Protein backbone atom coordinates (compact mmCIF):
# COMPACT_ATOMS: atom_id res chain seq x y z
CA MET A 1 83.04 -65.04 -202.01
CA LYS A 2 84.27 -63.94 -198.61
CA ILE A 3 85.70 -60.74 -200.16
CA HIS A 4 82.38 -59.91 -201.84
CA GLY A 5 80.45 -60.47 -198.55
CA LYS A 6 82.76 -58.14 -196.66
CA ILE A 7 82.36 -55.47 -199.35
CA LEU A 8 78.48 -55.78 -199.18
CA ALA A 9 78.44 -55.50 -195.40
CA LEU A 10 80.71 -52.45 -195.54
CA THR A 11 78.44 -50.80 -198.13
CA ILE A 12 75.26 -51.35 -196.03
CA SER A 13 76.96 -49.94 -192.93
CA THR A 14 78.05 -46.85 -194.82
CA LEU A 15 74.52 -46.23 -196.18
CA THR A 16 73.02 -46.63 -192.72
CA LEU A 17 75.37 -44.06 -191.28
CA LEU A 18 74.57 -41.63 -194.08
CA LEU A 19 70.76 -42.01 -193.60
CA THR A 20 71.07 -41.55 -189.87
CA ALA A 21 73.08 -38.42 -190.30
CA CYS A 22 70.51 -36.94 -192.75
CA GLN A 23 67.33 -37.67 -190.63
CA PRO A 24 67.58 -34.61 -188.27
CA ALA A 25 67.93 -32.37 -191.26
CA VAL A 26 64.83 -33.90 -192.86
CA ASN A 27 62.74 -33.52 -189.63
CA ALA A 28 63.91 -29.95 -189.21
CA GLY A 29 62.88 -29.16 -192.75
CA ALA A 30 59.41 -30.71 -192.29
CA GLU A 31 58.86 -28.78 -189.08
CA ALA A 32 59.91 -25.57 -190.77
CA ASN A 33 57.47 -26.19 -193.62
CA LYS A 34 54.49 -27.10 -191.34
CA VAL A 35 51.54 -24.65 -191.65
CA PRO A 36 50.22 -23.23 -188.31
CA VAL A 37 46.62 -24.03 -187.47
CA PRO A 38 44.55 -20.82 -187.33
CA VAL A 39 42.67 -20.53 -184.03
CA HIS A 40 40.47 -18.00 -182.30
CA ALA A 41 41.69 -17.15 -178.82
CA VAL A 42 40.70 -14.62 -176.18
CA PRO A 43 42.51 -13.51 -173.05
CA VAL A 44 41.44 -14.65 -169.61
CA ARG A 45 39.80 -11.65 -167.93
CA LEU A 46 38.78 -10.63 -164.44
CA PHE A 47 35.07 -10.31 -163.64
CA THR A 48 33.48 -8.93 -160.49
CA PRO A 49 30.17 -10.78 -159.92
CA GLN A 50 27.22 -9.21 -158.21
CA SER A 51 27.00 -10.20 -154.60
CA GLY A 52 23.98 -12.37 -153.79
CA GLU A 53 21.66 -14.79 -155.54
CA ARG A 54 19.27 -14.52 -158.50
CA TYR A 55 15.81 -16.07 -158.67
CA SER A 56 13.26 -16.42 -161.44
CA ALA A 57 9.91 -14.70 -160.81
CA SER A 58 6.60 -14.97 -162.65
CA LEU A 59 4.53 -11.82 -163.13
CA THR A 60 0.81 -12.02 -162.39
CA ALA A 61 -2.04 -9.54 -162.12
CA SER A 62 -2.73 -8.04 -158.72
CA ARG A 63 -6.42 -8.96 -159.12
CA GLN A 64 -8.11 -11.30 -161.57
CA ILE A 65 -11.78 -12.20 -161.88
CA THR A 66 -14.00 -14.35 -164.09
CA LEU A 67 -17.42 -12.81 -164.76
CA SER A 68 -20.49 -14.85 -165.64
CA PHE A 69 -24.27 -14.57 -165.72
CA ARG A 70 -26.16 -16.04 -162.76
CA LEU A 71 -29.06 -16.92 -165.05
CA ALA A 72 -29.54 -18.46 -168.47
CA GLY A 73 -30.57 -16.43 -171.49
CA PHE A 74 -29.71 -15.09 -174.91
CA VAL A 75 -26.95 -12.47 -175.15
CA GLU A 76 -28.61 -9.34 -176.53
CA SER A 77 -25.60 -7.01 -176.73
CA ILE A 78 -21.89 -6.78 -175.92
CA TYR A 79 -19.88 -3.65 -175.10
CA GLY A 80 -18.55 -1.96 -178.20
CA GLY A 81 -21.10 -3.50 -180.56
CA GLU A 82 -20.14 -3.71 -184.22
CA SER A 83 -18.14 -0.47 -184.25
CA HIS A 84 -15.50 -1.74 -181.84
CA ARG A 85 -15.34 -5.44 -181.10
CA LEU A 86 -14.27 -6.12 -177.54
CA GLU A 87 -10.96 -8.00 -177.71
CA PRO A 88 -8.37 -9.28 -175.20
CA GLY A 89 -6.04 -6.50 -174.10
CA ASP A 90 -8.71 -3.77 -174.18
CA LEU A 91 -8.83 -1.49 -171.15
CA ILE A 92 -12.24 -1.72 -169.45
CA PRO A 93 -13.18 1.22 -167.17
CA LYS A 94 -14.91 0.48 -163.88
CA GLY A 95 -18.71 0.24 -164.22
CA THR A 96 -18.66 -0.53 -167.94
CA VAL A 97 -21.62 -2.67 -169.07
CA LEU A 98 -19.89 -5.60 -170.75
CA ALA A 99 -22.88 -7.67 -171.84
CA VAL A 100 -26.68 -7.78 -171.51
CA LEU A 101 -29.04 -10.75 -171.70
CA ARG A 102 -32.43 -10.40 -173.37
CA PRO A 103 -34.44 -8.74 -170.57
CA LYS A 104 -37.92 -9.49 -171.93
CA ASP A 105 -37.87 -13.00 -170.46
CA TYR A 106 -37.43 -11.59 -166.97
CA GLU A 107 -39.72 -8.60 -167.49
CA ILE A 108 -42.55 -11.13 -168.04
CA GLN A 109 -41.66 -12.76 -164.73
CA ILE A 110 -41.81 -9.35 -163.05
CA LEU A 111 -45.27 -8.69 -164.49
CA GLN A 112 -46.49 -12.09 -163.34
CA ALA A 113 -45.14 -11.54 -159.84
CA LYS A 114 -46.65 -8.06 -159.64
CA GLY A 115 -50.01 -9.47 -160.81
CA GLN A 116 -49.95 -12.01 -157.99
CA PHE A 117 -49.02 -9.27 -155.55
CA ASP A 118 -51.93 -7.07 -156.65
CA SER A 119 -54.31 -10.04 -156.44
CA ALA A 120 -53.15 -10.84 -152.91
CA ARG A 121 -53.57 -7.20 -151.90
CA LYS A 122 -57.18 -7.18 -153.17
CA ASN A 123 -57.85 -10.43 -151.34
CA ILE A 124 -56.63 -8.78 -148.15
CA GLU A 125 -59.00 -5.86 -148.66
CA VAL A 126 -61.93 -8.23 -149.21
CA ALA A 127 -60.94 -10.34 -146.20
CA ARG A 128 -60.70 -7.27 -143.99
CA GLU A 129 -64.18 -6.19 -145.07
CA GLN A 130 -65.40 -9.67 -144.20
CA VAL A 131 -63.72 -9.38 -140.81
CA THR A 132 -65.51 -6.09 -140.18
CA GLU A 133 -68.86 -7.65 -141.08
CA ALA A 134 -68.13 -10.77 -139.04
CA GLU A 135 -67.14 -8.68 -136.01
CA ALA A 136 -70.45 -6.75 -136.23
CA ALA A 137 -72.44 -9.98 -136.63
CA PHE A 138 -70.63 -11.55 -133.69
CA THR A 139 -71.27 -8.49 -131.54
CA ARG A 140 -75.01 -8.68 -132.28
CA ALA A 141 -75.11 -12.44 -131.72
CA ASP A 142 -73.18 -12.14 -128.47
CA LEU A 143 -75.54 -9.47 -127.12
CA ALA A 144 -78.56 -11.57 -128.13
CA TRP A 145 -77.16 -14.63 -126.40
CA LYS A 146 -76.33 -12.70 -123.24
CA ARG A 147 -79.91 -11.33 -123.12
CA ALA A 148 -81.35 -14.78 -123.78
CA ASN A 149 -79.12 -16.27 -121.11
CA SER A 150 -80.31 -13.68 -118.55
CA LEU A 151 -83.93 -14.33 -119.42
CA TYR A 152 -83.37 -18.08 -119.35
CA GLU A 153 -81.95 -17.85 -115.83
CA SER A 154 -85.07 -15.91 -114.73
CA ARG A 155 -87.17 -18.57 -116.46
CA ALA A 156 -88.57 -15.99 -118.83
CA PHE A 157 -86.99 -17.71 -121.89
CA THR A 158 -87.57 -21.19 -123.15
CA ALA A 159 -84.76 -23.66 -123.53
CA PRO A 160 -85.10 -23.99 -127.34
CA ASP A 161 -84.88 -20.22 -127.74
CA TRP A 162 -81.81 -20.13 -125.45
CA GLU A 163 -80.15 -22.91 -127.51
CA ALA A 164 -80.89 -21.05 -130.74
CA ALA A 165 -79.33 -17.83 -129.40
CA ARG A 166 -76.21 -19.70 -128.30
CA ALA A 167 -75.92 -21.49 -131.66
CA GLN A 168 -76.26 -18.16 -133.46
CA ARG A 169 -73.46 -16.73 -131.34
CA ASP A 170 -71.19 -19.74 -132.04
CA ILE A 171 -71.81 -19.43 -135.78
CA ALA A 172 -70.96 -15.72 -135.72
CA GLU A 173 -67.76 -16.43 -133.75
CA ALA A 174 -66.72 -19.13 -136.24
CA GLN A 175 -67.34 -16.78 -139.14
CA LEU A 176 -65.19 -14.12 -137.44
CA ARG A 177 -62.34 -16.60 -136.96
CA ALA A 178 -62.61 -17.66 -140.62
CA ALA A 179 -62.53 -14.05 -141.79
CA ARG A 180 -59.46 -13.31 -139.71
CA SER A 181 -57.75 -16.47 -141.04
CA GLN A 182 -58.53 -15.30 -144.55
CA VAL A 183 -56.78 -11.99 -143.81
CA GLU A 184 -53.72 -13.86 -142.54
CA ALA A 185 -53.73 -16.14 -145.59
CA SER A 186 -54.04 -13.24 -147.98
CA THR A 187 -51.28 -11.38 -146.16
CA GLY A 188 -49.04 -14.43 -146.56
CA GLN A 189 -49.86 -14.56 -150.26
CA GLN A 190 -49.01 -10.87 -150.55
CA ASP A 191 -45.66 -11.42 -148.81
CA THR A 192 -44.90 -14.33 -151.14
CA ALA A 193 -45.83 -12.25 -154.16
CA ALA A 194 -43.65 -9.38 -152.92
CA ALA A 195 -40.72 -11.80 -152.59
CA MET A 196 -41.40 -13.02 -156.12
CA VAL A 197 -41.35 -9.43 -157.37
CA SER A 198 -38.02 -8.83 -155.64
CA THR A 199 -36.62 -12.07 -157.06
CA ALA A 200 -37.79 -11.14 -160.54
CA ASP A 201 -36.29 -7.64 -160.20
CA LEU A 202 -33.00 -9.20 -159.06
CA ALA A 203 -33.10 -11.62 -161.98
CA LYS A 204 -33.55 -8.74 -164.38
CA ALA A 205 -30.65 -6.90 -162.75
CA ASP A 206 -28.53 -10.04 -163.21
CA THR A 207 -29.04 -9.88 -166.96
CA VAL A 208 -26.29 -7.22 -167.02
CA ILE A 209 -22.56 -7.81 -166.44
CA THR A 210 -20.55 -4.75 -165.39
CA ALA A 211 -16.83 -4.35 -164.75
CA PRO A 212 -16.24 -4.21 -160.96
CA TYR A 213 -12.99 -2.25 -161.39
CA THR A 214 -10.80 -0.85 -164.15
CA ALA A 215 -9.01 -3.79 -165.73
CA ARG A 216 -7.65 -5.35 -168.90
CA LEU A 217 -9.70 -7.95 -170.76
CA LEU A 218 -7.88 -11.27 -170.71
CA GLN A 219 -10.51 -13.49 -172.27
CA ARG A 220 -13.95 -13.26 -173.89
CA ASN A 221 -16.06 -16.39 -174.22
CA ILE A 222 -19.47 -15.21 -175.49
CA GLU A 223 -20.93 -13.64 -178.62
CA ALA A 224 -24.04 -11.56 -179.21
CA GLY A 225 -27.00 -13.87 -179.89
CA SER A 226 -25.52 -16.88 -178.14
CA LEU A 227 -27.37 -18.79 -175.43
CA VAL A 228 -25.48 -18.88 -172.14
CA ALA A 229 -25.98 -21.15 -169.17
CA PRO A 230 -25.94 -20.05 -165.53
CA GLY A 231 -22.36 -19.68 -164.31
CA GLN A 232 -20.84 -20.03 -167.79
CA PRO A 233 -17.63 -17.92 -167.89
CA ALA A 234 -18.22 -14.84 -170.04
CA PHE A 235 -15.25 -12.54 -169.44
CA MET A 236 -11.94 -12.74 -167.61
CA LEU A 237 -10.53 -9.44 -166.35
CA ALA A 238 -7.21 -8.60 -164.73
CA ASP A 239 -6.18 -5.48 -162.86
CA THR A 240 -2.70 -4.74 -164.23
CA SER A 241 -2.25 -1.29 -162.66
CA VAL A 242 -0.16 -3.17 -160.12
CA ILE A 243 1.68 -6.36 -161.05
CA LYS A 244 2.71 -9.08 -158.62
CA ALA A 245 6.05 -10.87 -158.94
CA VAL A 246 5.88 -14.37 -157.45
CA PHE A 247 9.08 -16.29 -156.75
CA GLY A 248 10.50 -18.85 -154.33
CA VAL A 249 13.59 -18.61 -152.14
CA PRO A 250 15.31 -21.15 -149.85
CA ASP A 251 15.43 -20.84 -146.08
CA SER A 252 18.90 -19.31 -146.25
CA ALA A 253 17.47 -16.30 -148.13
CA VAL A 254 14.00 -15.93 -146.63
CA ILE A 255 15.33 -14.88 -143.22
CA ALA A 256 16.75 -11.69 -144.77
CA LEU A 257 13.45 -10.66 -146.37
CA LYS A 258 10.90 -8.43 -144.66
CA ARG A 259 7.42 -7.28 -145.63
CA SER A 260 7.47 -3.78 -147.16
CA GLY A 261 11.09 -4.35 -148.15
CA HIS A 262 12.23 -3.51 -151.69
CA VAL A 263 13.64 -6.02 -154.18
CA PRO A 264 15.19 -5.22 -157.59
CA LEU A 265 13.86 -7.07 -160.62
CA SER A 266 15.02 -7.28 -164.21
CA VAL A 267 12.49 -7.96 -167.00
CA GLU A 268 14.50 -9.16 -169.98
CA SER A 269 11.61 -9.12 -172.47
CA ILE A 270 11.25 -5.34 -172.23
CA GLN A 271 14.84 -4.59 -171.12
CA ARG A 272 13.69 -2.87 -167.97
CA GLN A 273 14.79 -2.69 -164.35
CA VAL A 274 11.98 -2.28 -161.79
CA SER A 275 11.61 -2.27 -158.03
CA GLY A 276 9.03 -4.29 -156.15
CA VAL A 277 7.70 -4.06 -152.60
CA ILE A 278 7.38 -7.34 -150.73
CA THR A 279 3.73 -7.84 -149.77
CA SER A 280 3.66 -11.50 -148.79
CA ILE A 281 6.11 -14.03 -147.33
CA ALA A 282 4.94 -17.64 -146.98
CA ALA A 283 4.78 -18.92 -143.40
CA ALA A 284 5.93 -22.39 -144.49
CA ALA A 285 8.01 -23.82 -147.32
CA ASP A 286 6.45 -25.77 -150.16
CA PRO A 287 6.79 -29.48 -149.22
CA ALA A 288 7.76 -30.38 -152.80
CA THR A 289 10.33 -27.66 -153.58
CA ARG A 290 11.34 -26.62 -150.04
CA LEU A 291 11.07 -22.99 -151.18
CA PHE A 292 9.21 -20.13 -149.52
CA ALA A 293 6.77 -18.29 -151.82
CA ILE A 294 7.36 -14.54 -151.96
CA GLU A 295 5.10 -11.92 -153.56
CA ALA A 296 6.22 -8.41 -154.47
CA SER A 297 4.03 -5.65 -155.91
CA ILE A 298 5.28 -3.54 -158.82
CA PRO A 299 3.52 -0.33 -159.96
CA ASN A 300 2.61 -0.59 -163.65
CA PRO A 301 1.15 2.78 -164.71
CA ASP A 302 2.19 2.44 -168.37
CA GLY A 303 0.94 -1.15 -168.68
CA ASN A 304 4.21 -2.45 -170.16
CA LEU A 305 4.41 -5.26 -167.61
CA ARG A 306 2.02 -8.06 -168.48
CA PRO A 307 0.90 -11.20 -166.63
CA GLY A 308 2.95 -14.20 -167.68
CA MET A 309 6.24 -12.35 -168.18
CA ILE A 310 9.37 -13.67 -166.47
CA ALA A 311 11.58 -11.48 -164.30
CA THR A 312 14.85 -12.04 -162.47
CA VAL A 313 15.05 -11.09 -158.80
CA SER A 314 18.50 -10.16 -157.49
CA LEU A 315 18.92 -10.52 -153.75
CA ARG A 316 22.17 -9.01 -152.58
CA SER A 317 24.13 -10.41 -149.65
CA ALA A 318 26.49 -8.68 -147.25
CA GLY A 319 30.18 -8.32 -148.06
CA THR A 320 32.31 -7.11 -150.95
CA PRO A 321 32.39 -9.35 -154.05
CA THR A 322 35.78 -10.74 -155.12
CA PRO A 323 36.92 -10.55 -158.77
CA VAL A 324 37.37 -13.95 -160.44
CA ALA A 325 39.06 -15.10 -163.64
CA VAL A 326 36.52 -15.99 -166.33
CA VAL A 327 36.65 -17.51 -169.81
CA PRO A 328 33.95 -18.26 -172.39
CA LEU A 329 32.07 -21.51 -171.82
CA SER A 330 33.13 -22.66 -175.29
CA ALA A 331 36.80 -22.69 -174.19
CA ILE A 332 36.25 -25.51 -171.66
CA VAL A 333 37.27 -29.01 -172.83
CA ARG A 334 37.42 -32.38 -171.13
CA SER A 335 40.79 -33.23 -169.66
CA LYS A 336 42.65 -36.01 -171.51
CA GLU A 337 44.82 -36.82 -168.47
CA GLU A 338 42.25 -36.76 -165.65
CA ALA A 339 38.89 -38.52 -165.92
CA GLY A 340 36.08 -36.13 -165.11
CA GLY A 341 38.42 -33.15 -165.15
CA PHE A 342 38.43 -30.04 -167.31
CA SER A 343 41.16 -28.05 -169.04
CA LEU A 344 41.85 -25.09 -171.27
CA MET A 345 44.05 -25.01 -174.36
CA VAL A 346 46.41 -22.12 -173.65
CA VAL A 347 48.48 -20.48 -176.39
CA HIS A 348 52.12 -19.75 -175.49
CA ALA A 349 54.65 -18.73 -178.13
CA ASN A 350 52.29 -19.99 -180.84
CA ARG A 351 52.21 -23.42 -179.23
CA VAL A 352 49.24 -25.12 -177.60
CA ARG A 353 49.49 -26.16 -173.99
CA SER A 354 46.78 -28.05 -172.08
CA GLN A 355 46.14 -26.48 -168.68
CA ALA A 356 43.95 -28.23 -166.06
CA VAL A 357 41.45 -25.90 -164.41
CA THR A 358 38.80 -25.95 -161.71
CA LEU A 359 35.41 -24.62 -162.72
CA GLY A 360 33.39 -22.09 -160.72
CA ALA A 361 30.11 -20.23 -161.12
CA THR A 362 28.70 -19.26 -164.51
CA PHE A 363 27.86 -15.68 -165.51
CA ALA A 364 25.79 -15.71 -168.72
CA ASP A 365 28.17 -17.17 -171.37
CA GLN A 366 31.23 -16.88 -169.09
CA ILE A 367 32.49 -19.25 -166.40
CA ALA A 368 34.85 -18.69 -163.50
CA VAL A 369 38.03 -20.82 -163.58
CA ALA A 370 41.04 -21.41 -161.33
CA GLY A 371 44.38 -22.53 -162.77
CA VAL A 372 45.08 -19.78 -165.31
CA GLN A 373 46.13 -16.17 -164.98
CA PRO A 374 44.34 -13.09 -166.37
CA GLY A 375 45.76 -12.16 -169.75
CA GLU A 376 46.65 -15.68 -170.87
CA LEU A 377 45.26 -16.59 -174.30
CA VAL A 378 42.81 -19.50 -174.37
CA ILE A 379 41.36 -21.10 -177.49
CA VAL A 380 37.59 -20.74 -177.67
CA SER A 381 36.69 -22.84 -180.73
CA GLY A 382 37.92 -26.27 -181.81
CA ALA A 383 40.15 -26.63 -178.75
CA SER A 384 39.34 -30.33 -178.38
CA LEU A 385 40.77 -31.04 -181.88
CA LEU A 386 44.23 -29.68 -181.06
CA SER A 387 47.18 -31.64 -179.69
CA GLU A 388 49.70 -30.71 -177.02
CA GLY A 389 52.48 -28.56 -178.49
CA GLU A 390 50.74 -28.08 -181.85
CA LEU A 391 51.74 -24.99 -183.81
CA VAL A 392 48.91 -22.42 -184.07
CA GLU A 393 48.28 -18.92 -185.32
CA VAL A 394 45.94 -16.68 -183.35
CA ILE A 395 43.45 -14.79 -185.50
CA GLN A 396 41.05 -12.09 -184.40
């Protein structure tokens, strides 16, 4: 039994030594047969950023106005009629009649006011004739009273006759005053009627809406035949011959800006670079945003710039910009060693190596990094799924 136990122990020891000796060869064979993971990698490159800051600006019309009727009425006609319906975007020349209310309603008011004016004028003529007659009657009565008074003092006239002469004079004087008052009253009526005629003429003039300057139609709110109320918005016009760019800058940037200074703008929607002239700089910052509102005017002769578009303002600063190393944003992964840190998966001799980096400013889809050298290959897709030292194959 002891002999058999020794033989079994010797056999196990021999097998163990043989397995141990074969393991490196097995691992080497597995490593040699491992398939490289295909990856897409790009080299780290140098990028020279533009010096200064960029701000978002909103484009607005240089002038904008909402037109409405001062009075109520039915819309009789609209510019263009049936042949060309007036629509937003149409160019409206200065002085164009945009819409007309039914004028008959106000023509009747004019006729009524003129009738009252003519009546007051006739009343004045009649009153003046009455004044002339009253003045003549008063003159006769006054002379008769003066003669009666002289005779009464010489006791050649009785008291009843003297009283009658005086009463006749007083009546004539009262009639003269009444006639003159009638002239004044009729003159007042004529003035009132004249004011009514002017008001009616003005009302008729207000039945027409005209364009105060050449502009683009932004909005139309009425139709022919509709009933409009006083002050109801009818048209909204905008002068787009000059466009304003409105943007906000912090106090660190506003000190470098001056009125009449030029600022470059980029309008991405039409792929165009334009230059604006600063026309307004806010005296105080907005309490909510702490930004200073800036307005710049941009000539727009071709009308390609439209209110509501977004532009980018580039304000350059002094000094020469320094080139920085940049990589695509998709290459950045969270660091597995440092909480809150970032790293890149760098390819070296077809092996993956995690390299900690410090992030900088972004430039479109690129980001500045520190910790790698220009020319090094970094994996830009699926980097977070790879392990340190993993075998890879770079594909284009």
